[in-house]
């Protein structure tokens, strides 16, 4: 029987907490965004506030990641975090544009 050497990725407690906190806010944000866009029952201002909180949490995570030793795992987390930051920036622009159109109407 061949045994594979599986090493689990171990992140620092701080990294795990920041990542968990960011994505917990992200879950709330995406639920709010889905309600807003799909059922039109959401709260625009609340959704924008969640987006801003999520963005701040992601940026805190990104700042923390930049202090860590370079490794494949850290590099992948930096890339993923950067992508989420870009997505939330795009969502905020879309939400602000939508709000501006409603004000003009």
PDB file of N, CA and C in Angstrom:
ATOM      1  N   UNK A   1       0.846  -1.169   0.000  1.00  0.00           N
ATOM      2  CA  UNK A   1       0.000   0.000   0.000  1.00  0.00           C
ATOM      3  C   UNK A   1       0.895   1.237   0.000  1.00  0.00           C
ATOM      4  N   UNK A   2       0.621   2.133  -0.938  1.00  0.00           N
ATOM      5  CA  UNK A   2       1.410   3.353  -1.048  1.00  0.00           C
ATOM      6  C   UNK A   2       0.772   4.435  -0.172  1.00  0.00           C
ATOM      7  N   UNK A   3       1.569   5.081   0.645  1.00  0.00           N
ATOM      8  CA  UNK A   3       1.079   6.141   1.517  1.00  0.00           C
ATOM      9  C   UNK A   3       1.584   7.461   0.968  1.00  0.00           C
ATOM     10  N   UNK A   4       0.671   8.401   0.817  1.00  0.00           N
ATOM     11  CA  UNK A   4       1.040   9.725   0.319  1.00  0.00           C
ATOM     12  C   UNK A   4       1.297  10.645   1.497  1.00  0.00           C
ATOM     13  N   UNK A   5       2.277  11.485   1.346  1.00  0.00           N
ATOM     14  CA  UNK A   5       2.584  12.453   2.382  1.00  0.00           C
ATOM     15  C   UNK A   5       1.701  13.683   2.162  1.00  0.00           C
ATOM     16  N   UNK A   6       0.641  13.784   2.952  1.00  0.00           N
ATOM     17  CA  UNK A   6      -0.296  14.909   2.837  1.00  0.00           C
ATOM     18  C   UNK A   6      -0.009  15.889   3.955  1.00  0.00           C
ATOM     19  N   UNK A   7       0.470  17.035   3.597  1.00  0.00           N
ATOM     20  CA  UNK A   7       0.696  18.052   4.624  1.00  0.00           C
ATOM     21  C   UNK A   7      -0.399  19.099   4.498  1.00  0.00           C
ATOM     22  N   UNK A   8      -1.111  19.265   5.568  1.00  0.00           N
ATOM     23  CA  UNK A   8      -2.188  20.251   5.583  1.00  0.00           C
ATOM     24  C   UNK A   8      -1.578  21.646   5.642  1.00  0.00           C
ATOM     25  N   UNK A   9      -2.235  22.580   4.997  1.00  0.00           N
ATOM     26  CA  UNK A   9      -1.795  23.964   5.036  1.00  0.00           C
ATOM     27  C   UNK A   9      -2.154  24.510   6.411  1.00  0.00           C
ATOM     28  N   UNK A  10      -1.165  25.005   7.109  1.00  0.00           N
ATOM     29  CA  UNK A  10      -1.398  25.564   8.436  1.00  0.00           C
ATOM     30  C   UNK A  10      -1.178  27.065   8.377  1.00  0.00           C
ATOM     31  N   UNK A  11      -2.225  27.782   8.678  1.00  0.00           N
ATOM     32  CA  UNK A  11      -2.149  29.231   8.696  1.00  0.00           C
ATOM     33  C   UNK A  11      -2.063  29.695  10.142  1.00  0.00           C
ATOM     34  N   UNK A  12      -1.509  30.847  10.348  1.00  0.00           N
ATOM     35  CA  UNK A  12      -1.429  31.380  11.700  1.00  0.00           C
ATOM     36  C   UNK A  12      -2.843  31.661  12.208  1.00  0.00           C
ATOM     37  N   UNK A  13      -2.964  31.725  13.499  1.00  0.00           N
ATOM     38  CA  UNK A  13      -4.259  32.016  14.111  1.00  0.00           C
ATOM     39  C   UNK A  13      -4.775  33.377  13.649  1.00  0.00           C
ATOM     40  N   UNK A  14      -3.877  34.338  13.555  1.00  0.00           N
ATOM     41  CA  UNK A  14      -4.271  35.677  13.096  1.00  0.00           C
ATOM     42  C   UNK A  14      -4.798  35.630  11.668  1.00  0.00           C
ATOM     43  N   UNK A  15      -4.103  34.912  10.801  1.00  0.00           N
ATOM     44  CA  UNK A  15      -4.536  34.791   9.409  1.00  0.00           C
ATOM     45  C   UNK A  15      -5.905  34.130   9.337  1.00  0.00           C
ATOM     46  N   UNK A  16      -6.069  33.059  10.081  1.00  0.00           N
ATOM     47  CA  UNK A  16      -7.344  32.336  10.080  1.00  0.00           C
ATOM     48  C   UNK A  16      -8.481  33.221  10.578  1.00  0.00           C
ATOM     49  N   UNK A  17      -8.235  33.967  11.632  1.00  0.00           N
ATOM     50  CA  UNK A  17      -9.271  34.860  12.187  1.00  0.00           C
ATOM     51  C   UNK A  17      -9.638  35.964  11.198  1.00  0.00           C
ATOM     52  N   UNK A  18      -8.637  36.590  10.598  1.00  0.00           N
ATOM     53  CA  UNK A  18      -8.908  37.661   9.629  1.00  0.00           C
ATOM     54  C   UNK A  18      -9.654  37.128   8.416  1.00  0.00           C
ATOM     55  N   UNK A  19      -9.238  35.967   7.940  1.00  0.00           N
ATOM     56  CA  UNK A  19      -9.891  35.365   6.786  1.00  0.00           C
ATOM     57  C   UNK A  19     -11.331  34.991   7.121  1.00  0.00           C
ATOM     58  N   UNK A  20     -11.535  34.402   8.267  1.00  0.00           N
ATOM     59  CA  UNK A  20     -12.876  34.006   8.695  1.00  0.00           C
ATOM     60  C   UNK A  20     -13.781  35.217   8.875  1.00  0.00           C
ATOM     61  N   UNK A  21     -13.260  36.253   9.506  1.00  0.00           N
ATOM     62  CA  UNK A  21     -14.047  37.467   9.730  1.00  0.00           C
ATOM     63  C   UNK A  21     -14.432  38.117   8.403  1.00  0.00           C
ATOM     64  N   UNK A  22     -13.481  38.204   7.487  1.00  0.00           N
ATOM     65  CA  UNK A  22     -13.756  38.819   6.186  1.00  0.00           C
ATOM     66  C   UNK A  22     -14.840  38.050   5.448  1.00  0.00           C
ATOM     67  N   UNK A  23     -14.719  36.744   5.425  1.00  0.00           N
ATOM     68  CA  UNK A  23     -15.678  35.972   4.646  1.00  0.00           C
ATOM     69  C   UNK A  23     -17.030  35.823   5.338  1.00  0.00           C
ATOM     70  N   UNK A  24     -17.075  35.976   6.647  1.00  0.00           N
ATOM     71  CA  UNK A  24     -18.368  36.013   7.340  1.00  0.00           C
ATOM     72  C   UNK A  24     -19.134  37.270   6.925  1.00  0.00           C
ATOM     73  N   UNK A  25     -18.425  38.388   6.874  1.00  0.00           N
ATOM     74  CA  UNK A  25     -19.047  39.632   6.396  1.00  0.00           C
ATOM     75  C   UNK A  25     -19.406  39.485   4.922  1.00  0.00           C
ATOM     76  N   UNK A  26     -18.532  38.838   4.167  1.00  0.00           N
ATOM     77  CA  UNK A  26     -18.798  38.606   2.743  1.00  0.00           C
ATOM     78  C   UNK A  26     -20.059  37.793   2.523  1.00  0.00           C
ATOM     79  N   UNK A  27     -20.284  36.785   3.358  1.00  0.00           N
ATOM     80  CA  UNK A  27     -21.512  35.990   3.245  1.00  0.00           C
ATOM     81  C   UNK A  27     -22.746  36.869   3.443  1.00  0.00           C
ATOM     82  N   UNK A  28     -22.696  37.733   4.448  1.00  0.00           N
ATOM     83  CA  UNK A  28     -23.818  38.652   4.693  1.00  0.00           C
ATOM     84  C   UNK A  28     -24.003  39.597   3.509  1.00  0.00           C
ATOM     85  N   UNK A  29     -22.885  40.098   3.018  1.00  0.00           N
ATOM     86  CA  UNK A  29     -22.932  41.041   1.894  1.00  0.00           C
ATOM     87  C   UNK A  29     -23.539  40.394   0.655  1.00  0.00           C
ATOM     88  N   UNK A  30     -23.074  39.206   0.283  1.00  0.00           N
ATOM     89  CA  UNK A  30     -23.583  38.570  -0.935  1.00  0.00           C
ATOM     90  C   UNK A  30     -25.041  38.160  -0.798  1.00  0.00           C
ATOM     91  N   UNK A  31     -25.462  37.819   0.409  1.00  0.00           N
ATOM     92  CA  UNK A  31     -26.880  37.542   0.649  1.00  0.00           C
ATOM     93  C   UNK A  31     -27.694  38.830   0.438  1.00  0.00           C
ATOM     94  N   UNK A  32     -27.197  39.932   0.970  1.00  0.00           N
ATOM     95  CA  UNK A  32     -27.851  41.227   0.817  1.00  0.00           C
ATOM     96  C   UNK A  32     -27.888  41.662  -0.650  1.00  0.00           C
ATOM     97  N   UNK A  33     -26.783  41.474  -1.348  1.00  0.00           N
ATOM     98  CA  UNK A  33     -26.708  41.842  -2.766  1.00  0.00           C
ATOM     99  C   UNK A  33     -27.674  40.995  -3.593  1.00  0.00           C
ATOM    100  N   UNK A  34     -27.751  39.714  -3.297  1.00  0.00           N
ATOM    101  CA  UNK A  34     -28.683  38.836  -4.011  1.00  0.00           C
ATOM    102  C   UNK A  34     -30.119  39.279  -3.785  1.00  0.00           C
ATOM    103  N   UNK A  35     -30.455  39.611  -2.545  1.00  0.00           N
ATOM    104  CA  UNK A  35     -31.809  40.099  -2.247  1.00  0.00           C
ATOM    105  C   UNK A  35     -32.105  41.368  -3.030  1.00  0.00           C
ATOM    106  N   UNK A  36     -31.124  42.239  -3.080  1.00  0.00           N
ATOM    107  CA  UNK A  36     -31.301  43.521  -3.761  1.00  0.00           C
ATOM    108  C   UNK A  36     -31.463  43.344  -5.270  1.00  0.00           C
ATOM    109  N   UNK A  37     -30.625  42.535  -5.877  1.00  0.00           N
ATOM    110  CA  UNK A  37     -30.618  42.408  -7.334  1.00  0.00           C
ATOM    111  C   UNK A  37     -31.661  41.427  -7.867  1.00  0.00           C
ATOM    112  N   UNK A  38     -31.929  40.367  -7.117  1.00  0.00           N
ATOM    113  CA  UNK A  38     -32.827  39.328  -7.621  1.00  0.00           C
ATOM    114  C   UNK A  38     -34.277  39.554  -7.244  1.00  0.00           C
ATOM    115  N   UNK A  39     -34.517  39.940  -6.020  1.00  0.00           N
ATOM    116  CA  UNK A  39     -35.904  40.083  -5.578  1.00  0.00           C
ATOM    117  C   UNK A  39     -36.309  41.534  -5.377  1.00  0.00           C
ATOM    118  N   UNK A  40     -35.350  42.432  -5.509  1.00  0.00           N
ATOM    119  CA  UNK A  40     -35.587  43.872  -5.335  1.00  0.00           C
ATOM    120  C   UNK A  40     -36.177  44.182  -3.960  1.00  0.00           C
ATOM    121  N   UNK A  41     -35.884  43.330  -2.987  1.00  0.00           N
ATOM    122  CA  UNK A  41     -36.397  43.526  -1.635  1.00  0.00           C
ATOM    123  C   UNK A  41     -35.305  44.011  -0.690  1.00  0.00           C
ATOM    124  N   UNK A  42     -34.108  44.133  -1.186  1.00  0.00           N
ATOM    125  CA  UNK A  42     -32.994  44.488  -0.322  1.00  0.00           C
ATOM    126  C   UNK A  42     -32.928  45.965  -0.017  1.00  0.00           C
ATOM    127  N   UNK A  43     -32.055  46.273   0.907  1.00  0.00           N
ATOM    128  CA  UNK A  43     -31.805  47.636   1.357  1.00  0.00           C
ATOM    129  C   UNK A  43     -30.513  48.117   0.708  1.00  0.00           C
ATOM    130  N   UNK A  44     -30.622  49.074  -0.214  1.00  0.00           N
ATOM    131  CA  UNK A  44     -29.439  49.543  -0.952  1.00  0.00           C
ATOM    132  C   UNK A  44     -28.365  50.099  -0.024  1.00  0.00           C
ATOM    133  N   UNK A  45     -28.783  50.945   0.892  1.00  0.00           N
ATOM    134  CA  UNK A  45     -27.809  51.557   1.798  1.00  0.00           C
ATOM    135  C   UNK A  45     -27.155  50.483   2.669  1.00  0.00           C
ATOM    136  N   UNK A  46     -27.956  49.554   3.188  1.00  0.00           N
ATOM    137  CA  UNK A  46     -27.411  48.473   3.999  1.00  0.00           C
ATOM    138  C   UNK A  46     -26.454  47.599   3.206  1.00  0.00           C
ATOM    139  N   UNK A  47     -26.783  47.373   1.947  1.00  0.00           N
ATOM    140  CA  UNK A  47     -25.931  46.565   1.074  1.00  0.00           C
ATOM    141  C   UNK A  47     -24.599  47.278   0.843  1.00  0.00           C
ATOM    142  N   UNK A  48     -24.650  48.571   0.601  1.00  0.00           N
ATOM    143  CA  UNK A  48     -23.411  49.337   0.409  1.00  0.00           C
ATOM    144  C   UNK A  48     -22.569  49.345   1.679  1.00  0.00           C
ATOM    145  N   UNK A  49     -23.228  49.448   2.833  1.00  0.00           N
ATOM    146  CA  UNK A  49     -22.499  49.435   4.100  1.00  0.00           C
ATOM    147  C   UNK A  49     -21.814  48.086   4.316  1.00  0.00           C
ATOM    148  N   UNK A  50     -22.519  46.997   3.985  1.00  0.00           N
ATOM    149  CA  UNK A  50     -21.910  45.667   4.092  1.00  0.00           C
ATOM    150  C   UNK A  50     -20.740  45.519   3.117  1.00  0.00           C
ATOM    151  N   UNK A  51     -20.910  46.064   1.905  1.00  0.00           N
ATOM    152  CA  UNK A  51     -19.829  46.008   0.920  1.00  0.00           C
ATOM    153  C   UNK A  51     -18.597  46.741   1.448  1.00  0.00           C
ATOM    154  N   UNK A  52     -18.814  47.912   2.047  1.00  0.00           N
ATOM    155  CA  UNK A  52     -17.700  48.686   2.594  1.00  0.00           C
ATOM    156  C   UNK A  52     -17.039  47.941   3.761  1.00  0.00           C
ATOM    157  N   UNK A  53     -17.839  47.319   4.610  1.00  0.00           N
ATOM    158  CA  UNK A  53     -17.290  46.552   5.732  1.00  0.00           C
ATOM    159  C   UNK A  53     -16.504  45.349   5.217  1.00  0.00           C
ATOM    160  N   UNK A  54     -17.040  44.685   4.205  1.00  0.00           N
ATOM    161  CA  UNK A  54     -16.359  43.535   3.603  1.00  0.00           C
ATOM    162  C   UNK A  54     -15.042  43.976   2.975  1.00  0.00           C
ATOM    163  N   UNK A  55     -15.077  45.081   2.260  1.00  0.00           N
ATOM    164  CA  UNK A  55     -13.867  45.608   1.639  1.00  0.00           C
ATOM    165  C   UNK A  55     -12.811  45.929   2.694  1.00  0.00           C
ATOM    166  N   UNK A  56     -13.215  46.564   3.782  1.00  0.00           N
ATOM    167  CA  UNK A  56     -12.267  46.876   4.856  1.00  0.00           C
ATOM    168  C   UNK A  56     -11.662  45.608   5.449  1.00  0.00           C
ATOM    169  N   UNK A  57     -12.501  44.605   5.666  1.00  0.00           N
ATOM    170  CA  UNK A  57     -12.013  43.341   6.229  1.00  0.00           C
ATOM    171  C   UNK A  57     -11.042  42.652   5.266  1.00  0.00           C
ATOM    172  N   UNK A  58     -11.360  42.691   3.977  1.00  0.00           N
ATOM    173  CA  UNK A  58     -10.459  42.105   2.974  1.00  0.00           C
ATOM    174  C   UNK A  58      -9.136  42.861   2.921  1.00  0.00           C
ATOM    175  N   UNK A  59      -9.205  44.180   3.011  1.00  0.00           N
ATOM    176  CA  UNK A  59      -7.979  44.976   2.980  1.00  0.00           C
ATOM    177  C   UNK A  59      -7.129  44.716   4.223  1.00  0.00           C
ATOM    178  N   UNK A  60      -7.781  44.532   5.386  1.00  0.00           N
ATOM    179  CA  UNK A  60      -7.042  44.166   6.599  1.00  0.00           C
ATOM    180  C   UNK A  60      -6.345  42.821   6.405  1.00  0.00           C
ATOM    181  N   UNK A  61      -7.056  41.871   5.820  1.00  0.00           N
ATOM    182  CA  UNK A  61      -6.475  40.560   5.535  1.00  0.00           C
ATOM    183  C   UNK A  61      -5.295  40.705   4.574  1.00  0.00           C
ATOM    184  N   UNK A  62      -5.476  41.490   3.521  1.00  0.00           N
ATOM    185  CA  UNK A  62      -4.399  41.700   2.550  1.00  0.00           C
ATOM    186  C   UNK A  62      -3.174  42.338   3.179  1.00  0.00           C
ATOM    187  N   UNK A  63      -3.393  43.308   4.051  1.00  0.00           N
ATOM    188  CA  UNK A  63      -2.282  43.957   4.749  1.00  0.00           C
ATOM    189  C   UNK A  63      -1.537  42.939   5.610  1.00  0.00           C
ATOM    190  N   UNK A  64      -2.291  42.122   6.320  1.00  0.00           N
ATOM    191  CA  UNK A  64      -1.677  41.083   7.146  1.00  0.00           C
ATOM    192  C   UNK A  64      -0.882  40.101   6.282  1.00  0.00           C
ATOM    193  N   UNK A  65      -1.471  39.669   5.186  1.00  0.00           N
ATOM    194  CA  UNK A  65      -0.795  38.699   4.313  1.00  0.00           C
ATOM    195  C   UNK A  65       0.522  39.249   3.787  1.00  0.00           C
ATOM    196  N   UNK A  66       0.574  40.557   3.565  1.00  0.00           N
ATOM    197  CA  UNK A  66       1.809  41.157   3.038  1.00  0.00           C
ATOM    198  C   UNK A  66       2.948  41.131   4.052  1.00  0.00           C
ATOM    199  N   UNK A  67       2.630  40.855   5.315  1.00  0.00           N
ATOM    200  CA  UNK A  67       3.675  40.791   6.348  1.00  0.00           C
ATOM    201  C   UNK A  67       4.223  39.381   6.530  1.00  0.00           C
ATOM    202  N   UNK A  68       3.599  38.396   5.902  1.00  0.00           N
ATOM    203  CA  UNK A  68       3.990  37.002   6.103  1.00  0.00           C
ATOM    204  C   UNK A  68       5.127  36.591   5.177  1.00  0.00           C
ATOM    205  N   UNK A  69       5.826  35.549   5.595  1.00  0.00           N
ATOM    206  CA  UNK A  69       6.875  34.976   4.754  1.00  0.00           C
ATOM    207  C   UNK A  69       6.258  34.479   3.463  1.00  0.00           C
ATOM    208  N   UNK A  70       7.022  34.609   2.391  1.00  0.00           N
ATOM    209  CA  UNK A  70       6.532  34.137   1.101  1.00  0.00           C
ATOM    210  C   UNK A  70       6.442  32.616   1.106  1.00  0.00           C
ATOM    211  N   UNK A  71       5.290  32.135   0.655  1.00  0.00           N
ATOM    212  CA  UNK A  71       5.085  30.705   0.463  1.00  0.00           C
ATOM    213  C   UNK A  71       4.007  30.563  -0.600  1.00  0.00           C
ATOM    214  N   UNK A  72       3.869  29.376  -1.110  1.00  0.00           N
ATOM    215  CA  UNK A  72       2.854  29.137  -2.134  1.00  0.00           C
ATOM    216  C   UNK A  72       1.465  29.448  -1.579  1.00  0.00           C
ATOM    217  N   UNK A  73       1.188  29.009  -0.352  1.00  0.00           N
ATOM    218  CA  UNK A  73      -0.120  29.222   0.257  1.00  0.00           C
ATOM    219  C   UNK A  73      -0.417  30.706   0.451  1.00  0.00           C
ATOM    220  N   UNK A  74       0.568  31.435   0.952  1.00  0.00           N
ATOM    221  CA  UNK A  74       0.392  32.874   1.171  1.00  0.00           C
ATOM    222  C   UNK A  74       0.199  33.582  -0.169  1.00  0.00           C
ATOM    223  N   UNK A  75       0.950  33.192  -1.170  1.00  0.00           N
ATOM    224  CA  UNK A  75       0.797  33.803  -2.505  1.00  0.00           C
ATOM    225  C   UNK A  75      -0.606  33.572  -3.055  1.00  0.00           C
ATOM    226  N   UNK A  76      -1.116  32.363  -2.899  1.00  0.00           N
ATOM    227  CA  UNK A  76      -2.467  32.061  -3.374  1.00  0.00           C
ATOM    228  C   UNK A  76      -3.519  32.858  -2.609  1.00  0.00           C
ATOM    229  N   UNK A  77      -3.340  32.999  -1.299  1.00  0.00           N
ATOM    230  CA  UNK A  77      -4.276  33.795  -0.503  1.00  0.00           C
ATOM    231  C   UNK A  77      -4.239  35.264  -0.908  1.00  0.00           C
ATOM    232  N   UNK A  78      -3.040  35.778  -1.197  1.00  0.00           N
ATOM    233  CA  UNK A  78      -2.919  37.165  -1.648  1.00  0.00           C
ATOM    234  C   UNK A  78      -3.662  37.370  -2.965  1.00  0.00           C
ATOM    235  N   UNK A  79      -3.498  36.439  -3.888  1.00  0.00           N
ATOM    236  CA  UNK A  79      -4.171  36.541  -5.188  1.00  0.00           C
ATOM    237  C   UNK A  79      -5.682  36.495  -5.003  1.00  0.00           C
ATOM    238  N   UNK A  80      -6.167  35.535  -4.227  1.00  0.00           N
ATOM    239  CA  UNK A  80      -7.604  35.397  -4.007  1.00  0.00           C
ATOM    240  C   UNK A  80      -8.173  36.629  -3.307  1.00  0.00           C
ATOM    241  N   UNK A  81      -7.469  37.115  -2.305  1.00  0.00           N
ATOM    242  CA  UNK A  81      -7.925  38.304  -1.576  1.00  0.00           C
ATOM    243  C   UNK A  81      -7.978  39.504  -2.509  1.00  0.00           C
ATOM    244  N   UNK A  82      -6.968  39.657  -3.351  1.00  0.00           N
ATOM    245  CA  UNK A  82      -6.960  40.751  -4.327  1.00  0.00           C
ATOM    246  C   UNK A  82      -8.128  40.668  -5.293  1.00  0.00           C
ATOM    247  N   UNK A  83      -8.470  39.461  -5.702  1.00  0.00           N
ATOM    248  CA  UNK A  83      -9.615  39.284  -6.614  1.00  0.00           C
ATOM    249  C   UNK A  83     -10.920  39.664  -5.933  1.00  0.00           C
ATOM    250  N   UNK A  84     -11.074  39.249  -4.672  1.00  0.00           N
ATOM    251  CA  UNK A  84     -12.289  39.628  -3.938  1.00  0.00           C
ATOM    252  C   UNK A  84     -12.359  41.146  -3.776  1.00  0.00           C
ATOM    253  N   UNK A  85     -11.233  41.771  -3.482  1.00  0.00           N
ATOM    254  CA  UNK A  85     -11.199  43.229  -3.351  1.00  0.00           C
ATOM    255  C   UNK A  85     -11.645  43.880  -4.657  1.00  0.00           C
ATOM    256  N   UNK A  86     -11.135  43.404  -5.785  1.00  0.00           N
ATOM    257  CA  UNK A  86     -11.537  43.944  -7.087  1.00  0.00           C
ATOM    258  C   UNK A  86     -13.036  43.767  -7.328  1.00  0.00           C
ATOM    259  N   UNK A  87     -13.564  42.596  -6.989  1.00  0.00           N
ATOM    260  CA  UNK A  87     -14.999  42.337  -7.170  1.00  0.00           C
ATOM    261  C   UNK A  87     -15.854  43.283  -6.337  1.00  0.00           C
ATOM    262  N   UNK A  88     -15.466  43.493  -5.089  1.00  0.00           N
ATOM    263  CA  UNK A  88     -16.248  44.365  -4.219  1.00  0.00           C
ATOM    264  C   UNK A  88     -16.154  45.811  -4.698  1.00  0.00           C
ATOM    265  N   UNK A  89     -14.981  46.227  -5.164  1.00  0.00           N
ATOM    266  CA  UNK A  89     -14.855  47.576  -5.746  1.00  0.00           C
ATOM    267  C   UNK A  89     -15.823  47.732  -6.925  1.00  0.00           C
ATOM    268  N   UNK A  90     -15.866  46.732  -7.793  1.00  0.00           N
ATOM    269  CA  UNK A  90     -16.776  46.783  -8.944  1.00  0.00           C
ATOM    270  C   UNK A  90     -18.233  46.818  -8.497  1.00  0.00           C
ATOM    271  N   UNK A  91     -18.569  46.025  -7.478  1.00  0.00           N
ATOM    272  CA  UNK A  91     -19.940  46.024  -6.952  1.00  0.00           C
ATOM    273  C   UNK A  91     -20.304  47.386  -6.379  1.00  0.00           C
ATOM    274  N   UNK A  92     -19.384  47.993  -5.646  1.00  0.00           N
ATOM    275  CA  UNK A  92     -19.657  49.311  -5.073  1.00  0.00           C
ATOM    276  C   UNK A  92     -19.908  50.350  -6.166  1.00  0.00           C
ATOM    277  N   UNK A  93     -19.118  50.290  -7.231  1.00  0.00           N
ATOM    278  CA  UNK A  93     -19.342  51.206  -8.359  1.00  0.00           C
ATOM    279  C   UNK A  93     -20.731  50.989  -8.956  1.00  0.00           C
ATOM    280  N   UNK A  94     -21.119  49.723  -9.130  1.00  0.00           N
ATOM    281  CA  UNK A  94     -22.429  49.391  -9.684  1.00  0.00           C
ATOM    282  C   UNK A  94     -23.547  49.883  -8.760  1.00  0.00           C
ATOM    283  N   UNK A  95     -23.398  49.671  -7.464  1.00  0.00           N
ATOM    284  CA  UNK A  95     -24.420  50.113  -6.506  1.00  0.00           C
ATOM    285  C   UNK A  95     -24.543  51.637  -6.494  1.00  0.00           C
ATOM    286  N   UNK A  96     -23.412  52.321  -6.560  1.00  0.00           N
ATOM    287  CA  UNK A  96     -23.444  53.779  -6.572  1.00  0.00           C
ATOM    288  C   UNK A  96     -24.060  54.309  -7.860  1.00  0.00           C
ATOM    289  N   UNK A  97     -23.773  53.652  -8.987  1.00  0.00           N
ATOM    290  CA  UNK A  97     -24.346  54.055 -10.257  1.00  0.00           C
ATOM    291  C   UNK A  97     -25.871  53.841 -10.236  1.00  0.00           C
ATOM    292  N   UNK A  98     -26.304  52.724  -9.686  1.00  0.00           N
ATOM    293  CA  UNK A  98     -27.722  52.426  -9.585  1.00  0.00           C
ATOM    294  C   UNK A  98     -28.425  53.467  -8.717  1.00  0.00           C
ATOM    295  N   UNK A  99     -27.802  53.816  -7.586  1.00  0.00           N
ATOM    296  CA  UNK A  99     -28.380  54.805  -6.691  1.00  0.00           C
ATOM    297  C   UNK A  99     -28.459  56.164  -7.376  1.00  0.00           C
ATOM    298  N   UNK A 100     -27.432  56.539  -8.136  1.00  0.00           N
ATOM    299  CA  UNK A 100     -27.424  57.824  -8.852  1.00  0.00           C
ATOM    300  C   UNK A 100     -28.536  57.868  -9.895  1.00  0.00           C
ATOM    301  N   UNK A 101     -28.769  56.748 -10.606  1.00  0.00           N
ATOM    302  CA  UNK A 101     -29.832  56.715 -11.606  1.00  0.00           C
ATOM    303  C   UNK A 101     -31.203  56.882 -10.953  1.00  0.00           C
ATOM    304  N   UNK A 102     -31.386  56.262  -9.775  1.00  0.00           N
ATOM    305  CA  UNK A 102     -32.665  56.366  -9.096  1.00  0.00           C
ATOM    306  C   UNK A 102     -32.910  57.779  -8.601  1.00  0.00           C
ATOM    307  N   UNK A 103     -31.855  58.454  -8.158  1.00  0.00           N
ATOM    308  CA  UNK A 103     -31.988  59.828  -7.697  1.00  0.00           C
ATOM    309  C   UNK A 103     -32.338  60.757  -8.854  1.00  0.00           C
ATOM    310  N   UNK A 104     -31.765  60.479 -10.035  1.00  0.00           N
ATOM    311  CA  UNK A 104     -32.005  61.319 -11.205  1.00  0.00           C
ATOM    312  C   UNK A 104     -33.409  61.119 -11.775  1.00  0.00           C
ATOM    313  N   UNK A 105     -33.998  59.964 -11.504  1.00  0.00           N
ATOM    314  CA  UNK A 105     -35.323  59.658 -12.079  1.00  0.00           C
ATOM    315  C   UNK A 105     -36.448  60.362 -11.359  1.00  0.00           C
TER     316      UNK A 105
END
